[in-house]
Amino acid sequence: MTTAGAEPSRQRRRGPELEAALLDAAWDELAEVGFAKLTMESVASRAGTGIAVLYRRWDNKDQLVLAALEHYRNSHPVDLPDTGTLRGDLLAALTAMGEARAAFSAIAAATAFSGLLASTGLTPAQARDRIIGDQRLSRVRAIYQRAHDRGEIDLERIPPAVLAMPFDLVRHDLLMDLEPLKPPRIRSIVDELFLPLVRSHHNGPGQAGAI
């Protein structure tokens, strides 16, 4: 009965829908049993498909797990706030990021240090870039663009590393503590570290205090 019932499901899922189902199954398996115990066979079983379907897309479990981590992050985006000020946007965005990414960071860190880095030969920075890609700044640039349009900042004068810094610090804290950041830490990142740097690059006398 189980086999007969599974076949129609395999027939219906094709293309992106099938790939998403496979990556969802890989994420669920990773979260439940961890990287060391995850196998291509266990993911195929969880997805209700044959193992050959996985091997047609990924050469091994390392590539599958990297794809599953990236897929989970892309399919669970953090909402970008629009509070009307750069400070308000950053406080809200960093808080939401900490709350939404705590579990993801814990699983990603456990995966990396339980064998993924060793088996792939990737450095932590390379694994981060593989999972996050160009999203480290591209999505949050909307926050900065709105602030630029309001006259709060001059994007042409601020180095990309400064713009990335608040979000990189949140990722660092999530990796170190594996829990959402406390409000005082969020405020410290914004008020004591980021905004003073932004003001030092501001191109407009008398306007920096509006941030």
Protein backbone atom coordinates (compact mmCIF):
# COMPACT_ATOMS: atom_id res chain seq x y z
CA MET A 1 0.00 0.00 0.00
CA THR A 2 2.81 2.45 0.90
CA THR A 3 4.70 1.85 -2.33
CA ALA A 4 1.61 2.09 -4.47
CA GLY A 5 0.62 5.35 -2.79
CA ALA A 6 4.08 6.87 -3.21
CA GLU A 7 4.35 6.44 -6.97
CA PRO A 8 1.71 8.99 -8.04
CA SER A 9 3.43 11.55 -5.80
CA ARG A 10 6.70 10.95 -7.63
CA GLN A 11 4.98 11.44 -10.96
CA ARG A 12 3.43 14.76 -9.96
CA ARG A 13 6.56 16.43 -8.62
CA ARG A 14 8.83 17.67 -11.37
CA GLY A 15 11.35 20.41 -12.00
CA PRO A 16 11.60 23.14 -9.37
CA GLU A 17 8.78 21.63 -7.30
CA LEU A 18 10.62 18.33 -7.01
CA GLU A 19 13.94 19.98 -6.26
CA ALA A 20 12.36 22.10 -3.51
CA ALA A 21 10.80 18.97 -1.98
CA LEU A 22 14.18 17.23 -2.00
CA LEU A 23 15.92 20.18 -0.38
CA ASP A 24 13.17 20.52 2.22
CA ALA A 25 13.63 16.84 3.05
CA ALA A 26 17.39 17.31 3.31
CA TRP A 27 16.92 20.26 5.68
CA ASP A 28 14.48 18.32 7.86
CA GLU A 29 16.86 15.37 7.98
CA LEU A 30 19.79 17.66 8.82
CA ALA A 31 17.84 19.32 11.63
CA GLU A 32 16.66 16.00 13.04
CA VAL A 33 19.72 13.73 12.86
CA GLY A 34 22.64 16.05 12.05
CA PHE A 35 25.21 16.04 9.29
CA ALA A 36 27.13 12.97 10.42
CA LYS A 37 24.09 10.69 10.34
CA LEU A 38 22.45 12.17 7.25
CA THR A 39 22.77 10.02 4.13
CA MET A 40 21.56 10.30 0.58
CA GLU A 41 19.40 7.24 1.29
CA SER A 42 17.79 8.82 4.38
CA VAL A 43 16.96 12.01 2.47
CA ALA A 44 15.49 10.05 -0.44
CA SER A 45 13.38 8.03 1.99
CA ARG A 46 12.13 11.16 3.74
CA ALA A 47 11.29 12.75 0.37
CA GLY A 48 9.46 9.62 -0.78
CA THR A 49 11.61 9.18 -3.88
CA GLY A 50 14.46 7.09 -5.20
CA ILE A 51 18.09 7.79 -4.44
CA ALA A 52 18.90 8.12 -8.15
CA VAL A 53 16.76 11.27 -8.19
CA LEU A 54 19.17 12.86 -5.71
CA TYR A 55 22.32 11.78 -7.53
CA ARG A 56 21.04 13.31 -10.76
CA ARG A 57 21.20 16.70 -9.02
CA TRP A 58 23.99 16.44 -6.43
CA ASP A 59 27.14 14.35 -6.57
CA ASN A 60 27.28 13.65 -2.85
CA LYS A 61 25.76 14.56 0.48
CA ASP A 62 28.12 17.51 0.93
CA GLN A 63 26.72 19.24 -2.14
CA LEU A 64 23.18 18.31 -1.13
CA VAL A 65 23.58 19.74 2.36
CA LEU A 66 25.10 22.99 1.08
CA ALA A 67 22.19 23.33 -1.32
CA ALA A 68 19.70 22.56 1.45
CA LEU A 69 21.16 25.24 3.72
CA GLU A 70 21.06 27.80 0.92
CA HIS A 71 17.52 26.77 -0.05
CA TYR A 72 16.24 27.07 3.51
CA ARG A 73 17.70 30.54 3.88
CA ASN A 74 16.33 31.72 0.54
CA SER A 75 12.87 30.32 1.22
CA HIS A 76 12.68 31.93 4.68
CA PRO A 77 13.64 35.57 4.06
CA VAL A 78 13.71 38.07 6.90
CA ASP A 79 11.22 40.91 6.38
CA LEU A 80 12.78 44.32 5.82
CA PRO A 81 11.11 47.04 7.92
CA ASP A 82 10.32 50.58 6.83
CA THR A 83 10.08 52.70 10.00
CA GLY A 84 10.96 56.01 8.38
CA THR A 85 14.46 56.33 9.86
CA LEU A 86 17.72 54.49 9.31
CA ARG A 87 18.14 53.84 13.03
CA GLY A 88 14.63 52.46 13.36
CA ASP A 89 15.03 50.28 10.29
CA LEU A 90 18.31 48.82 11.53
CA LEU A 91 17.04 48.14 15.05
CA ALA A 92 14.00 46.34 13.64
CA ALA A 93 15.92 44.49 10.92
CA LEU A 94 18.70 43.27 13.20
CA THR A 95 16.19 42.17 15.85
CA ALA A 96 14.15 40.25 13.28
CA MET A 97 17.31 38.73 11.82
CA GLY A 98 18.46 37.53 15.23
CA GLU A 99 15.10 35.97 16.03
CA ALA A 100 14.63 34.36 12.61
CA ARG A 101 18.17 33.11 12.12
CA ALA A 102 19.04 31.68 15.53
CA ALA A 103 17.91 28.13 14.72
CA PHE A 104 19.39 28.30 11.22
CA SER A 105 22.75 29.45 12.59
CA ALA A 106 22.79 26.68 15.17
CA ILE A 107 22.15 24.01 12.55
CA ALA A 108 24.58 25.55 10.07
CA ALA A 109 27.32 25.76 12.71
CA ALA A 110 26.74 22.20 13.89
CA THR A 111 26.83 21.03 10.28
CA ALA A 112 30.06 22.86 9.51
CA PHE A 113 31.94 21.60 12.54
CA SER A 114 30.61 18.05 12.49
CA GLY A 115 32.25 17.26 9.16
CA LEU A 116 31.09 19.48 6.31
CA LEU A 117 34.15 21.74 6.30
CA ALA A 118 36.53 18.82 6.52
CA SER A 119 34.84 16.79 3.80
CA THR A 120 34.44 19.69 1.37
CA GLY A 121 37.75 21.41 2.05
CA LEU A 122 35.93 24.74 2.34
CA THR A 123 37.04 27.39 4.79
CA PRO A 124 34.37 28.86 7.10
CA ALA A 125 34.36 32.02 4.94
CA GLN A 126 33.90 29.99 1.76
CA ALA A 127 31.08 27.99 3.31
CA ARG A 128 29.42 31.22 4.45
CA ASP A 129 29.63 32.71 0.97
CA ARG A 130 28.31 29.49 -0.56
CA ILE A 131 25.29 29.47 1.74
CA ILE A 132 24.57 33.21 1.80
CA GLY A 133 25.91 34.20 -1.63
CA ASP A 134 25.48 37.85 -2.58
CA GLN A 135 22.66 38.32 -0.08
CA ARG A 136 25.04 39.58 2.58
CA LEU A 137 24.33 43.13 1.42
CA SER A 138 22.07 43.07 -1.64
CA ARG A 139 18.74 42.60 0.20
CA VAL A 140 19.45 45.05 2.99
CA ARG A 141 20.65 47.67 0.54
CA ALA A 142 17.01 48.76 0.26
CA ILE A 143 17.25 50.04 3.84
CA TYR A 144 20.31 52.08 2.99
CA GLN A 145 18.86 53.32 -0.29
CA ARG A 146 15.79 54.69 1.50
CA ALA A 147 18.04 56.42 4.04
CA HIS A 148 20.10 57.86 1.19
CA ASP A 149 16.96 59.14 -0.55
CA ARG A 150 15.83 60.79 2.71
CA GLY A 151 19.19 62.53 3.00
CA GLU A 152 20.26 60.64 6.13
CA ILE A 153 23.36 59.11 4.54
CA ASP A 154 25.48 59.45 1.41
CA LEU A 155 25.88 55.95 -0.01
CA GLU A 156 28.66 57.06 -2.34
CA ARG A 157 30.87 57.92 0.62
CA ILE A 158 30.30 54.88 2.82
CA PRO A 159 32.55 51.82 2.28
CA PRO A 160 30.69 48.53 1.66
CA ALA A 161 32.39 47.02 4.71
CA VAL A 162 30.74 49.64 6.93
CA LEU A 163 27.31 48.92 5.44
CA ALA A 164 27.78 45.18 5.95
CA MET A 165 29.13 45.52 9.48
CA PRO A 166 25.87 45.52 11.53
CA PHE A 167 24.62 42.37 9.81
CA ASP A 168 28.01 40.66 9.97
CA LEU A 169 28.13 41.34 13.71
CA VAL A 170 24.70 39.80 14.20
CA ARG A 171 25.78 36.72 12.25
CA HIS A 172 28.91 36.51 14.40
CA ASP A 173 26.93 36.70 17.62
CA LEU A 174 24.44 34.12 16.38
CA LEU A 175 27.29 31.76 15.54
CA MET A 176 28.96 32.29 18.92
CA ASP A 177 25.88 32.23 21.16
CA LEU A 178 23.33 30.25 19.08
CA GLU A 179 20.49 32.41 20.37
CA PRO A 180 18.81 35.70 19.40
CA LEU A 181 20.68 38.83 20.35
CA LYS A 182 19.50 40.79 23.38
CA PRO A 183 18.07 44.31 22.75
CA PRO A 184 21.03 46.08 24.45
CA ARG A 185 23.45 44.34 22.08
CA ILE A 186 21.37 45.37 19.05
CA ARG A 187 21.31 48.97 20.26
CA SER A 188 25.05 48.89 20.88
CA ILE A 189 25.76 47.70 17.34
CA VAL A 190 23.59 50.44 15.86
CA ASP A 191 24.21 53.39 18.20
CA GLU A 192 27.80 52.86 19.35
CA LEU A 193 29.41 51.19 16.33
CA PHE A 194 27.52 51.72 13.08
CA LEU A 195 25.97 55.18 13.25
CA PRO A 196 29.18 56.95 14.39
CA LEU A 197 30.98 55.42 11.41
CA VAL A 198 28.20 56.47 9.05
CA ARG A 199 28.22 60.03 10.40
CA SER A 200 31.95 60.25 9.81
CA HIS A 201 31.29 59.58 6.10
CA HIS A 202 28.24 61.82 5.82
CA ASN A 203 28.37 64.42 3.05
CA GLY A 204 26.14 67.19 4.25
CA PRO A 205 26.93 69.61 7.10
CA GLY A 206 24.35 69.67 9.83
CA GLN A 207 22.45 66.63 8.55
CA ALA A 208 24.20 63.80 10.39
CA GLY A 209 22.12 64.29 13.53
CA ALA A 210 18.96 63.29 11.65
CA ILE A 211 20.02 59.67 11.47
